[in-house]
Amino acid sequence: MKKKVIIKLILFALLLMLIAILIILFNNKKIQQESQNFTTETEEELDNTILEPVKSAVSYFTVQNCINKYLGYVAQNNAEAIYSVLDKGYIEKNNITTSNVLEIIKRYENSIAYSARQIYLEQTNQDIDKYYAIGTITSYYAGDEEFENEEILDENACFEVNLNYDNMTFSITPIDDGRDY
C-alpha cells in the first residue's frame, strides 16, 4: 500500500513538473514574439516621427536658456563646460574631446545671445524630451545696455536640446555647422 502512495506522489510530482515546463516554454515563446513586435513598432515610430510646435512658455524659455548657456560657454572658450553639455552621440560621432572641442564646434566672438523663432518637441517614449530650436544668434558688446551695437551672426541657427526632467540635466547637439547628423 505504501508503494502505491509513493508511486502516485511521484507521478503527481512529474505531472506538475511537466506542466511547469510547458508553461515556461509557452511564456518564453510569447516573450520572443512580443520582443519582435516591439522592435518592429519602434522602427515604425522612428519613421513616423512627429514634431509638434512648443506651446508652453515654460518649455520654450527653458530650451532657449539651455542654448544660451551653451553659447555662453562657447563665447568664454570654456572647453570643459562645452564638452559637458554636448550630447554623447554628437561627441562620439565627431570624436570630440575636451582638447579638440573648440576646434570642432562653431565659435563666436564677444557676448552672444540666442533668440528662438520656433521650437519643436519630438514625442519620445523615454524620460527625455527632445526639442529642435531654430533661431537667431546675435552678438552684442559688454556695456551696451540698449543693444545698439548688436550684430546678427546666424539667422538660422539650429540646435537639438535633450531635457531630462528626472535628473534636471540637458544636452545639446548643434545642427547648424554643416556636419551630417
Protein backbone atom coordinates (compact mmCIF):
# COMPACT_ATOMS: atom_id res chain seq x y z
CA MET A 1 0.00 0.00 0.00
CA LYS A 2 2.86 2.37 0.81
CA LYS A 3 4.40 1.71 -2.60
CA LYS A 4 1.16 2.77 -4.35
CA VAL A 5 1.07 6.07 -2.43
CA ILE A 6 4.73 6.77 -3.23
CA ILE A 7 4.19 5.96 -6.92
CA LYS A 8 1.12 8.25 -7.03
CA LEU A 9 3.10 11.07 -5.38
CA ILE A 10 5.97 10.63 -7.84
CA LEU A 11 3.56 10.62 -10.81
CA PHE A 12 1.81 13.71 -9.42
CA ALA A 13 5.18 15.49 -8.99
CA LEU A 14 6.22 14.55 -12.55
CA LEU A 15 2.90 15.84 -13.89
CA LEU A 16 3.39 19.15 -12.05
CA MET A 17 6.95 19.45 -13.41
CA LEU A 18 5.69 18.73 -16.96
CA ILE A 19 3.02 21.42 -16.63
CA ALA A 20 5.59 23.90 -15.26
CA ILE A 21 7.97 23.19 -18.16
CA LEU A 22 5.18 23.68 -20.72
CA ILE A 23 4.18 26.99 -19.12
CA ILE A 24 7.79 28.20 -19.15
CA LEU A 25 8.25 27.26 -22.81
CA PHE A 26 4.96 28.90 -23.79
CA ASN A 27 5.83 32.13 -21.95
CA ASN A 28 9.33 32.20 -23.45
CA LYS A 29 7.89 31.91 -26.97
CA LYS A 30 5.36 34.65 -26.20
CA ILE A 31 8.10 36.96 -24.88
CA GLN A 32 10.15 36.45 -28.06
CA GLN A 33 7.14 37.33 -30.23
CA GLU A 34 6.42 40.45 -28.16
CA SER A 35 10.08 41.47 -28.44
CA GLN A 36 9.98 41.14 -32.23
CA ASN A 37 6.71 43.12 -32.37
CA PHE A 38 8.24 45.83 -30.15
CA THR A 39 11.27 46.13 -32.43
CA THR A 40 9.04 46.49 -35.48
CA GLU A 41 6.85 49.08 -33.74
CA THR A 42 9.92 51.05 -32.63
CA GLU A 43 11.29 51.15 -36.18
CA GLU A 44 7.91 52.34 -37.46
CA GLU A 45 7.81 55.06 -34.79
CA LEU A 46 11.22 56.32 -35.91
CA ASP A 47 9.99 56.50 -39.49
CA ASN A 48 6.87 58.40 -38.42
CA THR A 49 8.48 60.96 -36.09
CA ILE A 50 6.07 63.76 -35.32
CA LEU A 51 7.34 67.17 -34.36
CA GLU A 52 4.89 69.45 -32.59
CA PRO A 53 5.41 73.19 -32.10
CA VAL A 54 6.06 74.03 -28.44
CA LYS A 55 3.14 75.96 -26.97
CA SER A 56 4.27 76.10 -23.34
CA ALA A 57 6.14 79.28 -22.44
CA VAL A 58 7.99 77.38 -19.71
CA SER A 59 9.31 74.78 -22.17
CA TYR A 60 10.09 77.46 -24.74
CA PHE A 61 12.21 79.55 -22.38
CA THR A 62 13.81 76.51 -20.75
CA VAL A 63 15.10 75.32 -24.15
CA GLN A 64 16.19 78.83 -25.12
CA ASN A 65 18.04 79.21 -21.79
CA CYS A 66 19.85 75.88 -22.32
CA ILE A 67 21.05 77.09 -25.71
CA ASN A 68 22.15 80.44 -24.26
CA LYS A 69 24.06 78.64 -21.51
CA TYR A 70 25.87 76.55 -24.15
CA LEU A 71 26.62 79.66 -26.25
CA GLY A 72 27.91 81.42 -23.13
CA TYR A 73 30.39 78.58 -22.66
CA VAL A 74 31.34 78.93 -26.34
CA ALA A 75 31.92 82.70 -26.00
CA GLN A 76 34.11 82.05 -22.93
CA ASN A 77 36.05 79.30 -24.75
CA ASN A 78 35.28 77.02 -21.79
CA ALA A 79 36.13 73.65 -23.35
CA GLU A 80 35.22 71.53 -20.32
CA ALA A 81 31.82 73.19 -19.88
CA ILE A 82 31.05 72.90 -23.60
CA TYR A 83 32.04 69.23 -23.57
CA SER A 84 29.86 68.59 -20.52
CA VAL A 85 26.66 69.81 -22.23
CA LEU A 86 27.23 68.31 -25.68
CA ASP A 87 25.16 65.23 -26.48
CA LYS A 88 27.05 61.95 -26.07
CA GLY A 89 26.07 60.78 -29.56
CA TYR A 90 27.39 64.03 -31.07
CA ILE A 91 30.63 63.67 -29.10
CA GLU A 92 31.16 60.07 -30.26
CA LYS A 93 30.22 60.73 -33.89
CA ASN A 94 32.63 63.66 -34.17
CA ASN A 95 35.39 62.20 -31.96
CA ILE A 96 35.26 65.20 -29.64
CA THR A 97 37.44 65.50 -26.57
CA THR A 98 37.96 68.40 -24.18
CA SER A 99 41.23 69.02 -26.06
CA ASN A 100 39.67 69.44 -29.51
CA VAL A 101 36.12 70.65 -28.77
CA LEU A 102 36.98 74.29 -29.50
CA GLU A 103 38.34 73.30 -32.92
CA ILE A 104 35.24 71.33 -33.90
CA ILE A 105 32.29 73.44 -32.78
CA LYS A 106 31.24 76.70 -34.38
CA ARG A 107 32.63 79.57 -32.32
CA TYR A 108 31.57 83.18 -31.86
CA GLU A 109 33.38 86.25 -30.56
CA ASN A 110 32.05 88.72 -27.97
CA SER A 111 28.94 88.12 -25.92
CA ILE A 112 26.22 86.31 -27.76
CA ALA A 113 22.53 85.65 -27.28
CA TYR A 114 20.14 83.18 -28.88
CA SER A 115 16.56 84.04 -29.67
CA ALA A 116 14.42 81.11 -30.81
CA ARG A 117 11.90 81.73 -33.57
CA GLN A 118 10.38 78.28 -33.33
CA ILE A 119 10.88 75.27 -31.09
CA TYR A 120 9.51 71.82 -31.85
CA LEU A 121 9.03 68.88 -29.48
CA GLU A 122 9.60 65.32 -30.63
CA GLN A 123 7.44 62.91 -28.65
CA THR A 124 9.57 60.02 -27.41
CA ASN A 125 8.89 57.07 -25.14
CA GLN A 126 11.86 57.90 -22.97
CA ASP A 127 12.24 60.11 -19.91
CA ILE A 128 13.97 62.67 -22.11
CA ASP A 129 12.15 65.36 -24.09
CA LYS A 130 13.83 66.14 -27.39
CA TYR A 131 13.44 69.68 -28.75
CA TYR A 132 14.56 71.23 -32.03
CA ALA A 133 15.09 75.00 -32.00
CA ILE A 134 15.53 77.39 -34.91
CA GLY A 135 16.55 80.95 -34.16
CA THR A 136 18.98 83.82 -34.39
CA ILE A 137 22.36 84.25 -32.74
CA THR A 138 23.16 87.88 -32.05
CA SER A 139 26.41 89.43 -30.87
CA TYR A 140 26.43 92.41 -28.57
CA TYR A 141 29.14 94.26 -26.72
CA ALA A 142 29.51 94.41 -22.95
CA GLY A 143 28.24 97.68 -21.53
CA ASP A 144 25.78 98.17 -24.39
CA GLU A 145 22.59 98.02 -22.30
CA GLU A 146 20.44 99.30 -25.17
CA PHE A 147 21.85 96.73 -27.62
CA GLU A 148 22.56 99.48 -30.16
CA ASN A 149 25.64 97.70 -31.48
CA GLU A 150 24.20 94.22 -31.88
CA GLU A 151 25.12 92.18 -34.91
CA ILE A 152 23.30 89.13 -36.30
CA LEU A 153 25.80 86.28 -36.56
CA ASP A 154 23.47 83.49 -37.69
CA GLU A 155 19.83 83.90 -38.66
CA ASN A 156 19.11 80.18 -38.91
CA ALA A 157 20.99 78.60 -36.03
CA CYS A 158 19.55 75.18 -35.20
CA PHE A 159 20.03 73.06 -32.10
CA GLU A 160 18.72 69.81 -30.72
CA VAL A 161 18.18 70.06 -26.97
CA ASN A 162 17.53 66.97 -24.85
CA LEU A 163 15.96 67.73 -21.47
CA ASN A 164 15.94 65.11 -18.74
CA TYR A 165 13.48 66.26 -16.11
CA ASP A 166 14.25 63.31 -13.79
CA ASN A 167 17.78 64.48 -13.02
CA MET A 168 17.36 68.08 -14.23
CA THR A 169 20.05 67.94 -16.93
CA PHE A 170 20.27 68.81 -20.60
CA SER A 171 22.45 68.04 -23.59
CA ILE A 172 22.85 69.90 -26.86
CA THR A 173 23.62 68.96 -30.43
CA PRO A 174 24.43 71.93 -32.66
CA ILE A 175 22.96 71.16 -36.06
CA ASP A 176 23.86 74.31 -37.89
CA ASP A 177 27.53 73.84 -38.68
CA GLY A 178 27.21 71.90 -41.92
CA ARG A 179 28.01 68.48 -40.49
CA ASP A 180 25.94 65.38 -41.18
CA TYR A 181 23.98 64.30 -38.09
